[in-house]
PDB file of N, CA and C in Angstrom:
ATOM      1  N   MET A   1      42.612   1.453   5.911  1.00  0.00           N
ATOM      2  CA  MET A   1      41.406   0.683   6.108  1.00  0.00           C
ATOM      3  C   MET A   1      41.294  -0.328   4.961  1.00  0.00           C
ATOM      4  N   THR A   2      41.115  -1.565   5.329  1.00  0.00           N
ATOM      5  CA  THR A   2      41.037  -2.618   4.314  1.00  0.00           C
ATOM      6  C   THR A   2      39.653  -2.662   3.697  1.00  0.00           C
ATOM      7  N   VAL A   3      39.558  -3.374   2.596  1.00  0.00           N
ATOM      8  CA  VAL A   3      38.270  -3.520   1.915  1.00  0.00           C
ATOM      9  C   VAL A   3      37.274  -4.215   2.838  1.00  0.00           C
ATOM     10  N   GLU A   4      37.728  -5.211   3.558  1.00  0.00           N
ATOM     11  CA  GLU A   4      36.840  -5.939   4.471  1.00  0.00           C
ATOM     12  C   GLU A   4      36.319  -5.017   5.575  1.00  0.00           C
ATOM     13  N   GLU A   5      37.194  -4.165   6.107  1.00  0.00           N
ATOM     14  CA  GLU A   5      36.764  -3.214   7.142  1.00  0.00           C
ATOM     15  C   GLU A   5      35.750  -2.223   6.578  1.00  0.00           C
ATOM     16  N   ARG A   6      35.989  -1.783   5.364  1.00  0.00           N
ATOM     17  CA  ARG A   6      35.057  -0.853   4.728  1.00  0.00           C
ATOM     18  C   ARG A   6      33.705  -1.516   4.502  1.00  0.00           C
ATOM     19  N   ILE A   7      33.717  -2.771   4.065  1.00  0.00           N
ATOM     20  CA  ILE A   7      32.460  -3.501   3.854  1.00  0.00           C
ATOM     21  C   ILE A   7      31.724  -3.674   5.172  1.00  0.00           C
ATOM     22  N   ASN A   8      32.466  -4.027   6.228  1.00  0.00           N
ATOM     23  CA  ASN A   8      31.841  -4.179   7.550  1.00  0.00           C
ATOM     24  C   ASN A   8      31.223  -2.857   8.017  1.00  0.00           C
ATOM     25  N   GLU A   9      31.950  -1.775   7.810  1.00  0.00           N
ATOM     26  CA  GLU A   9      31.444  -0.449   8.191  1.00  0.00           C
ATOM     27  C   GLU A   9      30.165  -0.124   7.423  1.00  0.00           C
ATOM     28  N   LEU A  10      30.166  -0.388   6.131  1.00  0.00           N
ATOM     29  CA  LEU A  10      28.972  -0.124   5.315  1.00  0.00           C
ATOM     30  C   LEU A  10      27.795  -0.998   5.737  1.00  0.00           C
ATOM     31  N   GLU A  11      28.068  -2.252   6.056  1.00  0.00           N
ATOM     32  CA  GLU A  11      26.999  -3.146   6.519  1.00  0.00           C
ATOM     33  C   GLU A  11      26.414  -2.663   7.835  1.00  0.00           C
ATOM     34  N   MET A  12      27.272  -2.180   8.745  1.00  0.00           N
ATOM     35  CA  MET A  12      26.764  -1.655  10.022  1.00  0.00           C
ATOM     36  C   MET A  12      25.913  -0.409   9.792  1.00  0.00           C
ATOM     37  N   ARG A  13      26.367   0.458   8.912  1.00  0.00           N
ATOM     38  CA  ARG A  13      25.592   1.666   8.610  1.00  0.00           C
ATOM     39  C   ARG A  13      24.243   1.316   8.002  1.00  0.00           C
ATOM     40  N   GLN A  14      24.246   0.350   7.087  1.00  0.00           N
ATOM     41  CA  GLN A  14      22.993  -0.053   6.465  1.00  0.00           C
ATOM     42  C   GLN A  14      22.038  -0.644   7.498  1.00  0.00           C
ATOM     43  N   ALA A  15      22.563  -1.471   8.396  1.00  0.00           N
ATOM     44  CA  ALA A  15      21.718  -2.061   9.439  1.00  0.00           C
ATOM     45  C   ALA A  15      21.126  -0.965  10.319  1.00  0.00           C
ATOM     46  N   PHE A  16      21.946   0.025  10.671  1.00  0.00           N
ATOM     47  CA  PHE A  16      21.456   1.140  11.483  1.00  0.00           C
ATOM     48  C   PHE A  16      20.382   1.918  10.734  1.00  0.00           C
ATOM     49  N   GLN A  17      20.619   2.190   9.453  1.00  0.00           N
ATOM     50  CA  GLN A  17      19.649   2.936   8.656  1.00  0.00           C
ATOM     51  C   GLN A  17      18.351   2.152   8.486  1.00  0.00           C
ATOM     52  N   ASP A  18      18.448   0.846   8.286  1.00  0.00           N
ATOM     53  CA  ASP A  18      17.243   0.022   8.174  1.00  0.00           C
ATOM     54  C   ASP A  18      16.427   0.095   9.460  1.00  0.00           C
ATOM     55  N   ASP A  19      17.105   0.021  10.590  1.00  0.00           N
ATOM     56  CA  ASP A  19      16.418   0.106  11.876  1.00  0.00           C
ATOM     57  C   ASP A  19      15.778   1.480  12.062  1.00  0.00           C
ATOM     58  N   LEU A  20      16.503   2.521  11.693  1.00  0.00           N
ATOM     59  CA  LEU A  20      15.972   3.879  11.822  1.00  0.00           C
ATOM     60  C   LEU A  20      14.756   4.084  10.920  1.00  0.00           C
ATOM     61  N   ILE A  21      14.825   3.587   9.697  1.00  0.00           N
ATOM     62  CA  ILE A  21      13.693   3.709   8.773  1.00  0.00           C
ATOM     63  C   ILE A  21      12.474   2.985   9.329  1.00  0.00           C
ATOM     64  N   GLN A  22      12.657   1.807   9.886  1.00  0.00           N
ATOM     65  CA  GLN A  22      11.534   1.070  10.458  1.00  0.00           C
ATOM     66  C   GLN A  22      10.945   1.814  11.656  1.00  0.00           C
ATOM     67  N   THR A  23      11.799   2.376  12.489  1.00  0.00           N
ATOM     68  CA  THR A  23      11.336   3.148  13.641  1.00  0.00           C
ATOM     69  C   THR A  23      10.531   4.363  13.190  1.00  0.00           C
ATOM     70  N   LEU A  24      11.054   5.077  12.201  1.00  0.00           N
ATOM     71  CA  LEU A  24      10.336   6.249  11.687  1.00  0.00           C
ATOM     72  C   LEU A  24       9.012   5.848  11.049  1.00  0.00           C
ATOM     73  N   ASN A  25       8.993   4.747  10.344  1.00  0.00           N
ATOM     74  CA  ASN A  25       7.755   4.265   9.743  1.00  0.00           C
ATOM     75  C   ASN A  25       6.724   3.934  10.822  1.00  0.00           C
ATOM     76  N   ASP A  26       7.157   3.278  11.887  1.00  0.00           N
ATOM     77  CA  ASP A  26       6.244   2.959  12.996  1.00  0.00           C
ATOM     78  C   ASP A  26       5.661   4.234  13.605  1.00  0.00           C
ATOM     79  N   ILE A  27       6.488   5.256  13.732  1.00  0.00           N
ATOM     80  CA  ILE A  27       6.016   6.533  14.283  1.00  0.00           C
ATOM     81  C   ILE A  27       4.980   7.161  13.364  1.00  0.00           C
ATOM     82  N   ILE A  28       5.241   7.129  12.066  1.00  0.00           N
ATOM     83  CA  ILE A  28       4.294   7.706  11.106  1.00  0.00           C
ATOM     84  C   ILE A  28       2.967   6.963  11.133  1.00  0.00           C
ATOM     85  N   VAL A  29       3.021   5.650  11.207  1.00  0.00           N
ATOM     86  CA  VAL A  29       1.795   4.851  11.266  1.00  0.00           C
ATOM     87  C   VAL A  29       0.984   5.221  12.505  1.00  0.00           C
ATOM     88  N   GLU A  30       1.640   5.346  13.647  1.00  0.00           N
ATOM     89  CA  GLU A  30       0.936   5.702  14.889  1.00  0.00           C
ATOM     90  C   GLU A  30       0.358   7.110  14.800  1.00  0.00           C
ATOM     91  N   GLN A  31       1.095   8.045  14.213  1.00  0.00           N
ATOM     92  CA  GLN A  31       0.575   9.403  14.059  1.00  0.00           C
ATOM     93  C   GLN A  31      -0.651   9.416  13.154  1.00  0.00           C
ATOM     94  N   GLN A  32      -0.646   8.622  12.098  1.00  0.00           N
ATOM     95  CA  GLN A  32      -1.803   8.565  11.205  1.00  0.00           C
ATOM     96  C   GLN A  32      -3.006   8.003  11.942  1.00  0.00           C
ATOM     97  N   ARG A  33      -2.785   6.994  12.760  1.00  0.00           N
ATOM     98  CA  ARG A  33      -3.887   6.444  13.562  1.00  0.00           C
ATOM     99  C   ARG A  33      -4.449   7.509  14.505  1.00  0.00           C
ATOM    100  N   SER A  34      -3.559   8.269  15.132  1.00  0.00           N
ATOM    101  CA  SER A  34      -4.011   9.345  16.021  1.00  0.00           C
ATOM    102  C   SER A  34      -4.807  10.387  15.256  1.00  0.00           C
ATOM    103  N   LEU A  35      -4.319  10.761  14.075  1.00  0.00           N
ATOM    104  CA  LEU A  35      -5.047  11.735  13.256  1.00  0.00           C
ATOM    105  C   LEU A  35      -6.422  11.208  12.859  1.00  0.00           C
ATOM    106  N   ASP A  36      -6.490   9.940  12.503  1.00  0.00           N
ATOM    107  CA  ASP A  36      -7.781   9.344  12.146  1.00  0.00           C
ATOM    108  C   ASP A  36      -8.746   9.375  13.328  1.00  0.00           C
ATOM    109  N   ARG A  37      -8.241   9.043  14.526  1.00  0.00           N
ATOM    110  CA  ARG A  37      -9.094   9.085  15.725  1.00  0.00           C
ATOM    111  C   ARG A  37      -9.572  10.506  16.006  1.00  0.00           C
ATOM    112  N   MET A  38      -8.664  11.473  15.890  1.00  0.00           N
ATOM    113  CA  MET A  38      -9.036  12.868  16.148  1.00  0.00           C
ATOM    114  C   MET A  38     -10.049  13.364  15.122  1.00  0.00           C
ATOM    115  N   LYS A  39      -9.898  12.958  13.882  1.00  0.00           N
ATOM    116  CA  LYS A  39     -10.848  13.347  12.841  1.00  0.00           C
ATOM    117  C   LYS A  39     -12.237  12.823  13.178  1.00  0.00           C
ATOM    118  N   LEU A  40     -12.317  11.569  13.606  1.00  0.00           N
ATOM    119  CA  LEU A  40     -13.608  11.003  13.997  1.00  0.00           C
ATOM    120  C   LEU A  40     -14.198  11.744  15.197  1.00  0.00           C
ATOM    121  N   GLN A  41     -13.348  12.097  16.151  1.00  0.00           N
ATOM    122  CA  GLN A  41     -13.825  12.826  17.327  1.00  0.00           C
ATOM    123  C   GLN A  41     -14.350  14.201  16.936  1.00  0.00           C
ATOM    124  N   ILE A  42     -13.652  14.884  16.048  1.00  0.00           N
ATOM    125  CA  ILE A  42     -14.088  16.210  15.603  1.00  0.00           C
ATOM    126  C   ILE A  42     -15.415  16.103  14.862  1.00  0.00           C
ATOM    127  N   GLU A  43     -15.531  15.090  14.007  1.00  0.00           N
ATOM    128  CA  GLU A  43     -16.790  14.895  13.284  1.00  0.00           C
ATOM    129  C   GLU A  43     -17.934  14.621  14.257  1.00  0.00           C
ATOM    130  N   GLU A  44     -17.669  13.814  15.280  1.00  0.00           N
ATOM    131  CA  GLU A  44     -18.699  13.515  16.281  1.00  0.00           C
ATOM    132  C   GLU A  44     -19.068  14.776  17.058  1.00  0.00           C
ATOM    133  N   LEU A  45     -18.084  15.568  17.447  1.00  0.00           N
ATOM    134  CA  LEU A  45     -18.373  16.811  18.164  1.00  0.00           C
ATOM    135  C   LEU A  45     -19.175  17.783  17.299  1.00  0.00           C
ATOM    136  N   ALA A  46     -18.834  17.870  16.029  1.00  0.00           N
ATOM    137  CA  ALA A  46     -19.580  18.749  15.115  1.00  0.00           C
ATOM    138  C   ALA A  46     -21.015  18.271  14.988  1.00  0.00           C
ATOM    139  N   ARG A  47     -21.210  16.959  14.893  1.00  0.00           N
ATOM    140  CA  ARG A  47     -22.566  16.400  14.806  1.00  0.00           C
ATOM    141  C   ARG A  47     -23.354  16.717  16.078  1.00  0.00           C
ATOM    142  N   ARG A  48     -22.718  16.523  17.231  1.00  0.00           N
ATOM    143  CA  ARG A  48     -23.397  16.818  18.498  1.00  0.00           C
ATOM    144  C   ARG A  48     -23.729  18.300  18.615  1.00  0.00           C
ATOM    145  N   GLN A  49     -22.808  19.151  18.196  1.00  0.00           N
ATOM    146  CA  GLN A  49     -23.054  20.591  18.259  1.00  0.00           C
ATOM    147  C   GLN A  49     -24.228  20.964  17.361  1.00  0.00           C
ATOM    148  N   ALA A  50     -24.303  20.380  16.188  1.00  0.00           N
ATOM    149  CA  ALA A  50     -25.425  20.654  15.286  1.00  0.00           C
ATOM    150  C   ALA A  50     -26.735  20.177  15.896  1.00  0.00           C
ATOM    151  N   GLU A  51     -26.728  19.010  16.533  1.00  0.00           N
ATOM    152  CA  GLU A  51     -27.935  18.498  17.183  1.00  0.00           C
ATOM    153  C   GLU A  51     -28.384  19.422  18.312  1.00  0.00           C
ATOM    154  N   ILE A  52     -27.432  19.899  19.096  1.00  0.00           N
ATOM    155  CA  ILE A  52     -27.757  20.806  20.201  1.00  0.00           C
ATOM    156  C   ILE A  52     -28.322  22.110  19.654  1.00  0.00           C
ATOM    157  N   ALA A  53     -27.714  22.627  18.611  1.00  0.00           N
ATOM    158  CA  ALA A  53     -28.192  23.878  18.021  1.00  0.00           C
ATOM    159  C   ALA A  53     -29.615  23.720  17.502  1.00  0.00           C
ATOM    160  N   VAL A  54     -29.895  22.593  16.879  1.00  0.00           N
ATOM    161  CA  VAL A  54     -31.247  22.349  16.360  1.00  0.00           C
ATOM    162  C   VAL A  54     -32.233  22.193  17.522  1.00  0.00           C
ATOM    163  N   SER A  55     -31.827  21.472  18.552  1.00  0.00           N
ATOM    164  CA  SER A  55     -32.733  21.240  19.677  1.00  0.00           C
ATOM    165  C   SER A  55     -33.016  22.515  20.461  1.00  0.00           C
ATOM    166  N   GLN A  56     -32.096  23.486  20.413  1.00  0.00           N
ATOM    167  CA  GLN A  56     -32.298  24.744  21.117  1.00  0.00           C
ATOM    168  C   GLN A  56     -32.945  25.789  20.210  1.00  0.00           C
ATOM    169  N   GLY A  57     -33.207  25.408  18.989  1.00  0.00           N
ATOM    170  CA  GLY A  57     -33.885  26.316  18.076  1.00  0.00           C
ATOM    171  C   GLY A  57     -32.970  27.356  17.462  1.00  0.00           C
ATOM    172  N   ALA A  58     -31.692  27.166  17.531  1.00  0.00           N
ATOM    173  CA  ALA A  58     -30.761  28.129  16.941  1.00  0.00           C
ATOM    174  C   ALA A  58     -30.780  27.978  15.426  1.00  0.00           C
ATOM    175  N   VAL A  59     -30.814  29.115  14.766  1.00  0.00           N
ATOM    176  CA  VAL A  59     -30.784  29.123  13.315  1.00  0.00           C
ATOM    177  C   VAL A  59     -29.570  29.944  12.902  1.00  0.00           C
ATOM    178  N   GLU A  60     -28.720  29.368  12.083  1.00  0.00           N
ATOM    179  CA  GLU A  60     -27.481  30.050  11.704  1.00  0.00           C
ATOM    180  C   GLU A  60     -27.709  31.328  10.904  1.00  0.00           C
ATOM    181  N   ASP A  61     -28.701  31.326  10.040  1.00  0.00           N
ATOM    182  CA  ASP A  61     -28.937  32.457   9.161  1.00  0.00           C
ATOM    183  C   ASP A  61     -29.955  33.448   9.747  1.00  0.00           C
ATOM    184  N   GLU A  62     -30.173  33.372  11.027  1.00  0.00           N
ATOM    185  CA  GLU A  62     -31.151  34.253  11.669  1.00  0.00           C
ATOM    186  C   GLU A  62     -30.657  35.697  11.635  1.00  0.00           C
ATOM    187  N   ALA A  63     -31.500  36.583  11.167  1.00  0.00           N
ATOM    188  CA  ALA A  63     -31.132  38.001  11.090  1.00  0.00           C
ATOM    189  C   ALA A  63     -31.154  38.613  12.479  1.00  0.00           C
ATOM    190  N   PRO A  64     -30.338  39.634  12.719  1.00  0.00           N
ATOM    191  CA  PRO A  64     -30.341  40.285  14.036  1.00  0.00           C
ATOM    192  C   PRO A  64     -31.670  41.005  14.255  1.00  0.00           C
ATOM    193  N   PRO A  65     -32.016  41.255  15.492  1.00  0.00           N
ATOM    194  CA  PRO A  65     -33.261  41.967  15.778  1.00  0.00           C
ATOM    195  C   PRO A  65     -33.270  43.341  15.126  1.00  0.00           C
ATOM    196  N   PRO A  66     -34.441  43.904  14.874  1.00  0.00           N
ATOM    197  CA  PRO A  66     -34.549  45.186  14.160  1.00  0.00           C
ATOM    198  C   PRO A  66     -33.836  46.350  14.850  1.00  0.00           C
ATOM    199  N   HIS A  67     -33.644  46.307  16.163  1.00  0.00           N
ATOM    200  CA  HIS A  67     -33.046  47.445  16.861  1.00  0.00           C
ATOM    201  C   HIS A  67     -31.533  47.534  16.639  1.00  0.00           C
ATOM    202  N   TYR A  68     -30.916  46.634  15.899  1.00  0.00           N
ATOM    203  CA  TYR A  68     -29.475  46.716  15.648  1.00  0.00           C
ATOM    204  C   TYR A  68     -29.176  47.559  14.477  1.00  0.00           C
TER     205      TYR A  68
END
């Protein structure tokens, strides 16, 4: 294998690795966006659940009835 062939091989590998790194980075960015959306949804659901609990008169620290 000549030096030129080796250089060409290395350049092809680098190009492939650069493309793979960019693809993986794009995937990570999209996953972070999904996580951010899910976090907001969970926070909204928790807020709604707290509102429902308050509107129904539920108290978290309520002691059980005396017959228990």
